[in-house]
Amino acid sequence: MANKAASRALALSPEQGLSRYLSEIRKFPMLAKDEEFMLAKRWQEHEDSEAAEKMVTSHLRLVAKIAMGYRGYGLPMAEVISEGNVGLMQSVKKFDPDKGFRLATYAMWWIRASIQEYILRSWSLVKLGTTAAQKKLFFNLRRMKGEIDALDNAQLNPDQVKQIATKLNVPEKDVISMNGRMSGSDASLNAPMGAEGDMEWMDWLEDEDSNQAQEFADNQEFDARMELLQTAMADLSEREQHILQERRLTDEPKTLEELSEVYNVSRERIRQIEVRAFEKLQKAMQKMAKEQGLPMGN
């Protein structure tokens, strides 16, 4: 993005005061689909910095809302939002309106990728491991705690630790260690703000327009992922599709034994087909995402 557009769009820095920043970004209007398309074309064809700036500022609230989802990682929210804004600018720079996606859909991939990279980079300073299992634990622990009504618990009881470790397939000691590092960092979000001290900083984000924007973006991202999945599934054989569907894409997965009886082969053979089909699916989705300029994330 042109430096001029970037500097103007980020003149409102969250580091300069989070409450003021959140209040100011609510003033930027949402873009209608046709208006967004025309602005994107102006940037794409003429590098119009004003068009780029309008696309960035109209999505700053989206960045702030996404950043809220990472508030449990012990890092200053102002910095998390700033990193998300960097991802937003990258998405605007690469956005192609002719692909048929709205900018909100496309930008969410970049915003989350930028924030996650920042978090992993920052946590590496305290020797956070970066194995695939640890990354999975890092980005799923809060969600898992929410599912078992333990989100507000600084300490997990043994049963909760075992449940999370089993679900994520990681050692129990890793769950305990990660939870210890991440606990107790949400309080600042609920600190009193405003002249009377009767508001929390999250309240500054809540209004009808921003909620609609988030719901729209969530739905659009889900649709984009499903489109990639369905297209990639078409490259699998009928047997691979069925086994993968029954093993990984349903709320009540069938056992290897049940599928082995369907196809009259061993359980190990079903497992091999499942693994191979999943690997093929992943590669196909990553290839299509790359072609569309969508980062797949971690």
C-alpha atoms as a PDB file:
ATOM      1  CA  MET A   1       0.000   0.000   0.000  1.00  0.00           C
ATOM      2  CA  ALA A   2       1.187   3.504  -0.670  1.00  0.00           C
ATOM      3  CA  ASN A   3       2.999   4.918   2.358  1.00  0.00           C
ATOM      4  CA  LYS A   4       0.782   7.989   2.357  1.00  0.00           C
ATOM      5  CA  ALA A   5      -2.386   5.938   2.651  1.00  0.00           C
ATOM      6  CA  ALA A   6      -0.895   3.690   5.318  1.00  0.00           C
ATOM      7  CA  SER A   7       0.331   6.570   7.482  1.00  0.00           C
ATOM      8  CA  ARG A   8      -3.012   8.368   7.319  1.00  0.00           C
ATOM      9  CA  ALA A   9      -5.006   5.229   8.031  1.00  0.00           C
ATOM     10  CA  LEU A  10      -2.902   4.426  11.090  1.00  0.00           C
ATOM     11  CA  ALA A  11      -2.673   7.992  12.383  1.00  0.00           C
ATOM     12  CA  LEU A  12      -5.127   6.734  14.986  1.00  0.00           C
ATOM     13  CA  SER A  13      -2.765   4.473  16.885  1.00  0.00           C
ATOM     14  CA  PRO A  14      -4.133   2.255  19.676  1.00  0.00           C
ATOM     15  CA  GLU A  15      -0.876   2.817  21.564  1.00  0.00           C
ATOM     16  CA  GLN A  16      -1.849   6.469  21.975  1.00  0.00           C
ATOM     17  CA  GLY A  17      -4.893   5.587  24.034  1.00  0.00           C
ATOM     18  CA  LEU A  18      -7.070   2.540  23.561  1.00  0.00           C
ATOM     19  CA  SER A  19     -10.390   4.060  24.618  1.00  0.00           C
ATOM     20  CA  ARG A  20      -9.941   7.061  22.339  1.00  0.00           C
ATOM     21  CA  TYR A  21      -8.873   4.843  19.466  1.00  0.00           C
ATOM     22  CA  LEU A  22     -11.887   2.545  19.819  1.00  0.00           C
ATOM     23  CA  SER A  23     -14.194   5.532  19.983  1.00  0.00           C
ATOM     24  CA  GLU A  24     -12.678   7.120  16.879  1.00  0.00           C
ATOM     25  CA  ILE A  25     -12.742   4.045  14.642  1.00  0.00           C
ATOM     26  CA  ARG A  26     -16.495   3.689  15.188  1.00  0.00           C
ATOM     27  CA  LYS A  27     -16.924   6.918  13.232  1.00  0.00           C
ATOM     28  CA  PHE A  28     -15.743   5.382   9.961  1.00  0.00           C
ATOM     29  CA  PRO A  29     -18.726   4.214   7.869  1.00  0.00           C
ATOM     30  CA  MET A  30     -19.234   0.697   6.575  1.00  0.00           C
ATOM     31  CA  LEU A  31     -18.939   0.272   2.813  1.00  0.00           C
ATOM     32  CA  ALA A  32     -21.738  -0.929   0.582  1.00  0.00           C
ATOM     33  CA  LYS A  33     -20.790  -3.783  -1.748  1.00  0.00           C
ATOM     34  CA  ASP A  34     -20.762  -1.610  -4.899  1.00  0.00           C
ATOM     35  CA  GLU A  35     -18.781   1.140  -3.191  1.00  0.00           C
ATOM     36  CA  GLU A  36     -16.223  -1.355  -1.920  1.00  0.00           C
ATOM     37  CA  PHE A  37     -15.850  -2.829  -5.405  1.00  0.00           C
ATOM     38  CA  MET A  38     -15.233   0.574  -6.994  1.00  0.00           C
ATOM     39  CA  LEU A  39     -12.707   1.559  -4.328  1.00  0.00           C
ATOM     40  CA  ALA A  40     -10.871  -1.736  -4.764  1.00  0.00           C
ATOM     41  CA  LYS A  41     -10.711  -1.232  -8.523  1.00  0.00           C
ATOM     42  CA  ARG A  42      -9.373   2.303  -8.052  1.00  0.00           C
ATOM     43  CA  TRP A  43      -6.588   0.948  -5.861  1.00  0.00           C
ATOM     44  CA  GLN A  44      -5.909  -2.048  -8.109  1.00  0.00           C
ATOM     45  CA  GLU A  45      -5.774  -0.089 -11.359  1.00  0.00           C
ATOM     46  CA  HIS A  46      -4.543   3.340 -10.272  1.00  0.00           C
ATOM     47  CA  GLU A  47      -2.998   2.821  -6.803  1.00  0.00           C
ATOM     48  CA  ASP A  48      -5.381   5.452  -5.499  1.00  0.00           C
ATOM     49  CA  SER A  49      -4.230   5.967  -1.893  1.00  0.00           C
ATOM     50  CA  GLU A  50      -7.507   7.578  -0.835  1.00  0.00           C
ATOM     51  CA  ALA A  51      -9.440   4.533  -2.029  1.00  0.00           C
ATOM     52  CA  ALA A  52      -7.078   2.250  -0.090  1.00  0.00           C
ATOM     53  CA  GLU A  53      -7.437   4.404   3.009  1.00  0.00           C
ATOM     54  CA  LYS A  54     -11.243   4.176   2.902  1.00  0.00           C
ATOM     55  CA  MET A  55     -11.074   0.397   2.639  1.00  0.00           C
ATOM     56  CA  VAL A  56      -8.684   0.210   5.581  1.00  0.00           C
ATOM     57  CA  THR A  57     -10.514   2.599   7.905  1.00  0.00           C
ATOM     58  CA  SER A  58     -13.907   1.006   7.219  1.00  0.00           C
ATOM     59  CA  HIS A  59     -12.542  -2.313   8.525  1.00  0.00           C
ATOM     60  CA  LEU A  60     -10.635  -1.125  11.607  1.00  0.00           C
ATOM     61  CA  ARG A  61     -13.514  -2.194  13.840  1.00  0.00           C
ATOM     62  CA  LEU A  62     -13.279  -5.672  12.351  1.00  0.00           C
ATOM     63  CA  VAL A  63      -9.607  -5.819  13.342  1.00  0.00           C
ATOM     64  CA  ALA A  64     -10.431  -4.741  16.894  1.00  0.00           C
ATOM     65  CA  LYS A  65     -13.121  -7.403  17.219  1.00  0.00           C
ATOM     66  CA  ILE A  66     -10.843 -10.137  15.889  1.00  0.00           C
ATOM     67  CA  ALA A  67      -8.083  -8.957  18.245  1.00  0.00           C
ATOM     68  CA  MET A  68     -10.473  -9.409  21.176  1.00  0.00           C
ATOM     69  CA  GLY A  69     -10.442 -13.127  20.468  1.00  0.00           C
ATOM     70  CA  TYR A  70      -6.735 -13.180  21.360  1.00  0.00           C
ATOM     71  CA  ARG A  71      -7.031 -11.272  24.611  1.00  0.00           C
ATOM     72  CA  GLY A  72      -6.075 -14.280  26.722  1.00  0.00           C
ATOM     73  CA  TYR A  73      -2.477 -14.500  25.532  1.00  0.00           C
ATOM     74  CA  GLY A  74      -0.964 -12.002  27.966  1.00  0.00           C
ATOM     75  CA  LEU A  75       0.016  -9.366  25.410  1.00  0.00           C
ATOM     76  CA  PRO A  76      -1.003  -5.676  25.324  1.00  0.00           C
ATOM     77  CA  MET A  77      -4.235  -5.352  23.351  1.00  0.00           C
ATOM     78  CA  ALA A  78      -2.968  -2.177  21.693  1.00  0.00           C
ATOM     79  CA  GLU A  79      -0.089  -4.144  20.180  1.00  0.00           C
ATOM     80  CA  VAL A  80      -2.344  -7.021  19.115  1.00  0.00           C
ATOM     81  CA  ILE A  81      -4.680  -4.566  17.361  1.00  0.00           C
ATOM     82  CA  SER A  82      -1.725  -2.846  15.690  1.00  0.00           C
ATOM     83  CA  GLU A  83      -0.495  -6.163  14.318  1.00  0.00           C
ATOM     84  CA  GLY A  84      -4.000  -6.913  13.077  1.00  0.00           C
ATOM     85  CA  ASN A  85      -4.014  -3.552  11.306  1.00  0.00           C
ATOM     86  CA  VAL A  86      -0.821  -4.549   9.503  1.00  0.00           C
ATOM     87  CA  GLY A  87      -2.569  -7.682   8.264  1.00  0.00           C
ATOM     88  CA  LEU A  88      -5.544  -5.576   7.184  1.00  0.00           C
ATOM     89  CA  MET A  89      -3.316  -3.305   5.094  1.00  0.00           C
ATOM     90  CA  GLN A  90      -1.691  -6.314   3.465  1.00  0.00           C
ATOM     91  CA  SER A  91      -5.113  -7.695   2.583  1.00  0.00           C
ATOM     92  CA  VAL A  92      -6.167  -4.406   0.993  1.00  0.00           C
ATOM     93  CA  LYS A  93      -2.965  -4.350  -1.002  1.00  0.00           C
ATOM     94  CA  LYS A  94      -3.588  -7.843  -2.410  1.00  0.00           C
ATOM     95  CA  PHE A  95      -7.393  -7.786  -2.592  1.00  0.00           C
ATOM     96  CA  ASP A  96      -8.878  -8.641  -5.982  1.00  0.00           C
ATOM     97  CA  PRO A  97     -12.576  -7.658  -6.126  1.00  0.00           C
ATOM     98  CA  ASP A  98     -13.090  -9.693  -9.298  1.00  0.00           C
ATOM     99  CA  LYS A  99     -12.698 -12.922  -7.274  1.00  0.00           C
ATOM    100  CA  GLY A 100     -16.199 -12.407  -5.905  1.00  0.00           C
ATOM    101  CA  PHE A 101     -15.303 -12.170  -2.209  1.00  0.00           C
ATOM    102  CA  ARG A 102     -16.042  -9.192   0.007  1.00  0.00           C
ATOM    103  CA  LEU A 103     -13.009  -7.524   1.546  1.00  0.00           C
ATOM    104  CA  ALA A 104     -14.141  -8.530   5.069  1.00  0.00           C
ATOM    105  CA  THR A 105     -13.927 -12.205   4.112  1.00  0.00           C
ATOM    106  CA  TYR A 106     -10.496 -11.873   2.558  1.00  0.00           C
ATOM    107  CA  ALA A 107      -9.123  -9.561   5.257  1.00  0.00           C
ATOM    108  CA  MET A 108     -10.000 -11.899   8.126  1.00  0.00           C
ATOM    109  CA  TRP A 109      -7.453 -14.456   6.893  1.00  0.00           C
ATOM    110  CA  TRP A 110      -4.705 -11.835   6.829  1.00  0.00           C
ATOM    111  CA  ILE A 111      -5.666 -10.173  10.113  1.00  0.00           C
ATOM    112  CA  ARG A 112      -5.661 -13.461  12.007  1.00  0.00           C
ATOM    113  CA  ALA A 113      -2.446 -14.661  10.360  1.00  0.00           C
ATOM    114  CA  SER A 114      -0.695 -11.408  11.292  1.00  0.00           C
ATOM    115  CA  ILE A 115      -1.902 -11.537  14.898  1.00  0.00           C
ATOM    116  CA  GLN A 116      -1.015 -15.207  15.325  1.00  0.00           C
ATOM    117  CA  GLU A 117       2.456 -14.676  13.903  1.00  0.00           C
ATOM    118  CA  TYR A 118       2.971 -11.788  16.334  1.00  0.00           C
ATOM    119  CA  ILE A 119       1.769 -13.859  19.296  1.00  0.00           C
ATOM    120  CA  LEU A 120       4.016 -16.801  18.465  1.00  0.00           C
ATOM    121  CA  ARG A 121       6.939 -14.479  17.868  1.00  0.00           C
ATOM    122  CA  SER A 122       6.363 -12.732  21.200  1.00  0.00           C
ATOM    123  CA  TRP A 123       5.841 -15.925  23.154  1.00  0.00           C
ATOM    124  CA  SER A 124       9.012 -17.401  21.742  1.00  0.00           C
ATOM    125  CA  LEU A 125      10.802 -14.887  23.967  1.00  0.00           C
ATOM    126  CA  VAL A 126       9.624 -16.911  26.958  1.00  0.00           C
ATOM    127  CA  LYS A 127      10.627 -20.160  25.274  1.00  0.00           C
ATOM    128  CA  LEU A 128       7.231 -21.240  24.078  1.00  0.00           C
ATOM    129  CA  GLY A 129       7.680 -24.354  21.983  1.00  0.00           C
ATOM    130  CA  THR A 130       6.621 -24.136  18.360  1.00  0.00           C
ATOM    131  CA  THR A 131       5.822 -27.743  17.575  1.00  0.00           C
ATOM    132  CA  ALA A 132       2.568 -28.408  15.784  1.00  0.00           C
ATOM    133  CA  ALA A 133       1.022 -29.843  18.971  1.00  0.00           C
ATOM    134  CA  GLN A 134       2.014 -26.812  21.038  1.00  0.00           C
ATOM    135  CA  LYS A 135       0.670 -24.401  18.444  1.00  0.00           C
ATOM    136  CA  LYS A 136      -2.592 -26.324  18.459  1.00  0.00           C
ATOM    137  CA  LEU A 137      -2.740 -26.103  22.252  1.00  0.00           C
ATOM    138  CA  PHE A 138      -1.783 -22.428  22.225  1.00  0.00           C
ATOM    139  CA  PHE A 139      -4.590 -21.393  19.894  1.00  0.00           C
ATOM    140  CA  ASN A 140      -7.267 -23.779  21.194  1.00  0.00           C
ATOM    141  CA  LEU A 141      -6.869 -23.774  24.973  1.00  0.00           C
ATOM    142  CA  ARG A 142      -9.208 -20.827  25.584  1.00  0.00           C
ATOM    143  CA  ARG A 143     -11.882 -22.314  23.343  1.00  0.00           C
ATOM    144  CA  MET A 144     -11.621 -25.657  25.134  1.00  0.00           C
ATOM    145  CA  LYS A 145     -11.865 -23.970  28.544  1.00  0.00           C
ATOM    146  CA  GLY A 146     -14.998 -22.217  27.338  1.00  0.00           C
ATOM    147  CA  GLU A 147     -16.570 -25.495  26.267  1.00  0.00           C
ATOM    148  CA  ILE A 148     -16.127 -26.953  29.757  1.00  0.00           C
ATOM    149  CA  ASP A 149     -17.161 -23.752  31.587  1.00  0.00           C
ATOM    150  CA  ALA A 150     -13.654 -23.156  32.882  1.00  0.00           C
ATOM    151  CA  LEU A 151     -12.787 -19.961  31.031  1.00  0.00           C
ATOM    152  CA  ASP A 152     -12.586 -17.907  34.224  1.00  0.00           C
ATOM    153  CA  ASN A 153     -10.586 -20.524  36.129  1.00  0.00           C
ATOM    154  CA  ALA A 154      -6.970 -19.563  36.707  1.00  0.00           C
ATOM    155  CA  GLN A 155      -6.283 -23.168  37.687  1.00  0.00           C
ATOM    156  CA  LEU A 156      -7.763 -26.261  36.066  1.00  0.00           C
ATOM    157  CA  ASN A 157      -8.722 -29.286  38.115  1.00  0.00           C
ATOM    158  CA  PRO A 158      -7.252 -32.685  37.164  1.00  0.00           C
ATOM    159  CA  ASP A 159     -10.385 -33.808  35.325  1.00  0.00           C
ATOM    160  CA  GLN A 160     -10.443 -30.635  33.229  1.00  0.00           C
ATOM    161  CA  VAL A 161      -6.751 -30.977  32.408  1.00  0.00           C
ATOM    162  CA  LYS A 162      -7.251 -34.586  31.337  1.00  0.00           C
ATOM    163  CA  GLN A 163     -10.286 -33.685  29.221  1.00  0.00           C
ATOM    164  CA  ILE A 164      -8.450 -30.930  27.353  1.00  0.00           C
ATOM    165  CA  ALA A 165      -5.274 -32.983  26.910  1.00  0.00           C
ATOM    166  CA  THR A 166      -7.262 -35.880  25.484  1.00  0.00           C
ATOM    167  CA  LYS A 167      -9.265 -33.681  23.135  1.00  0.00           C
ATOM    168  CA  LEU A 168      -6.181 -31.904  21.769  1.00  0.00           C
ATOM    169  CA  ASN A 169      -3.909 -34.965  21.959  1.00  0.00           C
ATOM    170  CA  VAL A 170      -1.206 -33.258  24.024  1.00  0.00           C
ATOM    171  CA  PRO A 171       0.456 -34.176  27.336  1.00  0.00           C
ATOM    172  CA  GLU A 172      -1.391 -33.075  30.482  1.00  0.00           C
ATOM    173  CA  LYS A 173       1.716 -31.282  31.732  1.00  0.00           C
ATOM    174  CA  ASP A 174       1.660 -29.115  28.605  1.00  0.00           C
ATOM    175  CA  VAL A 175      -1.944 -28.116  29.313  1.00  0.00           C
ATOM    176  CA  ILE A 176      -1.038 -27.155  32.880  1.00  0.00           C
ATOM    177  CA  SER A 177       2.019 -25.192  31.753  1.00  0.00           C
ATOM    178  CA  MET A 178       0.217 -23.350  28.973  1.00  0.00           C
ATOM    179  CA  ASN A 179      -2.754 -22.525  31.159  1.00  0.00           C
ATOM    180  CA  GLY A 180      -0.414 -21.121  33.801  1.00  0.00           C
ATOM    181  CA  ARG A 181       1.176 -18.802  31.269  1.00  0.00           C
ATOM    182  CA  MET A 182      -2.118 -17.634  29.829  1.00  0.00           C
ATOM    183  CA  SER A 183      -4.197 -17.232  32.993  1.00  0.00           C
ATOM    184  CA  GLY A 184      -5.072 -13.947  34.558  1.00  0.00           C
ATOM    185  CA  SER A 185      -4.597 -11.706  31.514  1.00  0.00           C
ATOM    186  CA  ASP A 186      -8.224 -10.793  30.778  1.00  0.00           C
ATOM    187  CA  ALA A 187      -8.802  -8.413  33.660  1.00  0.00           C
ATOM    188  CA  SER A 188      -7.531  -5.347  31.821  1.00  0.00           C
ATOM    189  CA  LEU A 189     -10.345  -5.701  29.287  1.00  0.00           C
ATOM    190  CA  ASN A 190     -12.882  -5.151  32.043  1.00  0.00           C
ATOM    191  CA  ALA A 191     -11.160  -2.154  33.571  1.00  0.00           C
ATOM    192  CA  PRO A 192     -13.489   0.835  34.095  1.00  0.00           C
ATOM    193  CA  MET A 193     -13.352   3.493  31.409  1.00  0.00           C
ATOM    194  CA  GLY A 194     -15.160   6.694  30.554  1.00  0.00           C
ATOM    195  CA  ALA A 195     -15.697   9.840  32.588  1.00  0.00           C
ATOM    196  CA  GLU A 196     -17.834   8.059  35.181  1.00  0.00           C
ATOM    197  CA  GLY A 197     -15.864   4.830  35.123  1.00  0.00           C
ATOM    198  CA  ASP A 198     -19.022   2.936  34.220  1.00  0.00           C
ATOM    199  CA  MET A 199     -17.866   1.420  30.915  1.00  0.00           C
ATOM    200  CA  GLU A 200     -15.476  -1.321  29.884  1.00  0.00           C
ATOM    201  CA  TRP A 201     -13.263  -0.859  26.857  1.00  0.00           C
ATOM    202  CA  MET A 202     -15.104  -3.633  25.012  1.00  0.00           C
ATOM    203  CA  ASP A 203     -18.275  -1.520  25.232  1.00  0.00           C
ATOM    204  CA  TRP A 204     -16.715   0.972  22.845  1.00  0.00           C
ATOM    205  CA  LEU A 205     -16.868  -1.601  20.081  1.00  0.00           C
ATOM    206  CA  GLU A 206     -20.479  -2.609  20.490  1.00  0.00           C
ATOM    207  CA  ASP A 207     -23.052  -1.094  18.192  1.00  0.00           C
ATOM    208  CA  GLU A 208     -25.465  -2.450  15.635  1.00  0.00           C
ATOM    209  CA  ASP A 209     -23.261  -1.791  12.601  1.00  0.00           C
ATOM    210  CA  SER A 210     -20.152  -3.454  14.012  1.00  0.00           C
ATOM    211  CA  ASN A 211     -22.132  -6.532  15.075  1.00  0.00           C
ATOM    212  CA  GLN A 212     -23.601  -6.838  11.605  1.00  0.00           C
ATOM    213  CA  ALA A 213     -20.144  -6.474  10.088  1.00  0.00           C
ATOM    214  CA  GLN A 214     -18.753  -9.244  12.277  1.00  0.00           C
ATOM    215  CA  GLU A 215     -21.637 -11.593  11.537  1.00  0.00           C
ATOM    216  CA  PHE A 216     -21.310 -10.884   7.836  1.00  0.00           C
ATOM    217  CA  ALA A 217     -17.565 -11.499   7.871  1.00  0.00           C
ATOM    218  CA  ASP A 218     -17.920 -14.711   9.879  1.00  0.00           C
ATOM    219  CA  ASN A 219     -20.538 -16.035   7.464  1.00  0.00           C
ATOM    220  CA  GLN A 220     -18.499 -15.040   4.453  1.00  0.00           C
ATOM    221  CA  GLU A 221     -15.352 -16.712   5.792  1.00  0.00           C
ATOM    222  CA  PHE A 222     -17.292 -19.879   6.551  1.00  0.00           C
ATOM    223  CA  ASP A 223     -18.698 -19.866   3.025  1.00  0.00           C
ATOM    224  CA  ALA A 224     -15.204 -19.348   1.590  1.00  0.00           C
ATOM    225  CA  ARG A 225     -13.797 -22.270   3.580  1.00  0.00           C
ATOM    226  CA  MET A 226     -16.699 -24.503   2.617  1.00  0.00           C
ATOM    227  CA  GLU A 227     -16.240 -23.625  -1.037  1.00  0.00           C
ATOM    228  CA  LEU A 228     -12.569 -24.593  -0.834  1.00  0.00           C
ATOM    229  CA  LEU A 229     -13.470 -27.810   0.980  1.00  0.00           C
ATOM    230  CA  GLN A 230     -16.149 -28.835  -1.495  1.00  0.00           C
ATOM    231  CA  THR A 231     -13.911 -28.130  -4.484  1.00  0.00           C
ATOM    232  CA  ALA A 232     -11.025 -30.064  -2.937  1.00  0.00           C
ATOM    233  CA  MET A 233     -13.293 -33.004  -2.040  1.00  0.00           C
ATOM    234  CA  ALA A 234     -14.211 -33.364  -5.710  1.00  0.00           C
ATOM    235  CA  ASP A 235     -10.633 -34.486  -6.420  1.00  0.00           C
ATOM    236  CA  LEU A 236     -10.988 -37.498  -4.123  1.00  0.00           C
ATOM    237  CA  SER A 237     -12.372 -40.860  -5.133  1.00  0.00           C
ATOM    238  CA  GLU A 238     -15.884 -41.779  -4.039  1.00  0.00           C
ATOM    239  CA  ARG A 239     -14.499 -44.135  -1.400  1.00  0.00           C
ATOM    240  CA  GLU A 240     -12.066 -41.527  -0.077  1.00  0.00           C
ATOM    241  CA  GLN A 241     -14.835 -38.942   0.103  1.00  0.00           C
ATOM    242  CA  HIS A 242     -17.120 -41.277   2.016  1.00  0.00           C
ATOM    243  CA  ILE A 243     -14.483 -42.420   4.502  1.00  0.00           C
ATOM    244  CA  LEU A 244     -13.264 -38.871   5.138  1.00  0.00           C
ATOM    245  CA  GLN A 245     -16.830 -37.659   5.551  1.00  0.00           C
ATOM    246  CA  GLU A 246     -17.681 -40.407   8.019  1.00  0.00           C
ATOM    247  CA  ARG A 247     -14.433 -40.105   9.977  1.00  0.00           C
ATOM    248  CA  ARG A 248     -13.695 -36.353  10.117  1.00  0.00           C
ATOM    249  CA  LEU A 249     -16.565 -34.293   8.728  1.00  0.00           C
ATOM    250  CA  THR A 250     -19.475 -35.426  10.866  1.00  0.00           C
ATOM    251  CA  ASP A 251     -20.552 -34.792  14.449  1.00  0.00           C
ATOM    252  CA  GLU A 252     -20.720 -38.534  15.174  1.00  0.00           C
ATOM    253  CA  PRO A 253     -17.724 -40.164  13.427  1.00  0.00           C
ATOM    254  CA  LYS A 254     -17.894 -43.850  12.551  1.00  0.00           C
ATOM    255  CA  THR A 255     -15.259 -46.215  13.918  1.00  0.00           C
ATOM    256  CA  LEU A 256     -12.610 -47.899  11.797  1.00  0.00           C
ATOM    257  CA  GLU A 257     -14.338 -51.174  12.585  1.00  0.00           C
ATOM    258  CA  GLU A 258     -17.687 -49.986  11.224  1.00  0.00           C
ATOM    259  CA  LEU A 259     -16.151 -48.742   7.970  1.00  0.00           C
ATOM    260  CA  SER A 260     -14.017 -51.848   7.566  1.00  0.00           C
ATOM    261  CA  GLU A 261     -17.227 -53.885   7.517  1.00  0.00           C
ATOM    262  CA  VAL A 262     -18.748 -51.576   4.892  1.00  0.00           C
ATOM    263  CA  TYR A 263     -15.798 -52.023   2.522  1.00  0.00           C
ATOM    264  CA  ASN A 264     -14.775 -55.529   3.616  1.00  0.00           C
ATOM    265  CA  VAL A 265     -11.197 -54.526   4.339  1.00  0.00           C
ATOM    266  CA  SER A 266      -9.119 -54.308   7.505  1.00  0.00           C
ATOM    267  CA  ARG A 267      -9.316 -51.441   9.992  1.00  0.00           C
ATOM    268  CA  GLU A 268      -5.715 -50.582   9.167  1.00  0.00           C
ATOM    269  CA  ARG A 269      -6.622 -50.238   5.496  1.00  0.00           C
ATOM    270  CA  ILE A 270      -9.447 -47.830   6.364  1.00  0.00           C
ATOM    271  CA  ARG A 271      -7.024 -45.825   8.502  1.00  0.00           C
ATOM    272  CA  GLN A 272      -4.519 -45.630   5.632  1.00  0.00           C
ATOM    273  CA  ILE A 273      -7.203 -44.459   3.203  1.00  0.00           C
ATOM    274  CA  GLU A 274      -8.391 -41.849   5.701  1.00  0.00           C
ATOM    275  CA  VAL A 275      -4.891 -40.453   6.269  1.00  0.00           C
ATOM    276  CA  ARG A 276      -4.085 -40.372   2.554  1.00  0.00           C
ATOM    277  CA  ALA A 277      -7.398 -38.702   1.705  1.00  0.00           C
ATOM    278  CA  PHE A 278      -6.922 -36.083   4.411  1.00  0.00           C
ATOM    279  CA  GLU A 279      -3.412 -35.272   3.182  1.00  0.00           C
ATOM    280  CA  LYS A 280      -4.693 -34.923  -0.392  1.00  0.00           C
ATOM    281  CA  LEU A 281      -7.505 -32.681   0.842  1.00  0.00           C
ATOM    282  CA  GLN A 282      -5.121 -30.444   2.768  1.00  0.00           C
ATOM    283  CA  LYS A 283      -2.766 -30.051  -0.177  1.00  0.00           C
ATOM    284  CA  ALA A 284      -5.624 -29.249  -2.556  1.00  0.00           C
ATOM    285  CA  MET A 285      -7.073 -26.617  -0.191  1.00  0.00           C
ATOM    286  CA  GLN A 286      -3.667 -25.032   0.407  1.00  0.00           C
ATOM    287  CA  LYS A 287      -3.032 -24.867  -3.328  1.00  0.00           C
ATOM    288  CA  MET A 288      -6.395 -23.209  -4.026  1.00  0.00           C
ATOM    289  CA  ALA A 289      -5.971 -20.802  -1.114  1.00  0.00           C
ATOM    290  CA  LYS A 290      -2.561 -19.790  -2.443  1.00  0.00           C
ATOM    291  CA  GLU A 291      -3.982 -19.237  -5.907  1.00  0.00           C
ATOM    292  CA  GLN A 292      -6.661 -16.979  -4.421  1.00  0.00           C
ATOM    293  CA  GLY A 293      -4.145 -15.160  -2.238  1.00  0.00           C
ATOM    294  CA  LEU A 294      -5.650 -16.491   0.986  1.00  0.00           C
ATOM    295  CA  PRO A 295      -3.220 -17.342   3.831  1.00  0.00           C
ATOM    296  CA  MET A 296      -4.175 -20.677   5.348  1.00  0.00           C
ATOM    297  CA  GLY A 297      -2.962 -19.770   8.817  1.00  0.00           C
ATOM    298  CA  ASN A 298      -1.550 -22.222  11.333  1.00  0.00           C
END
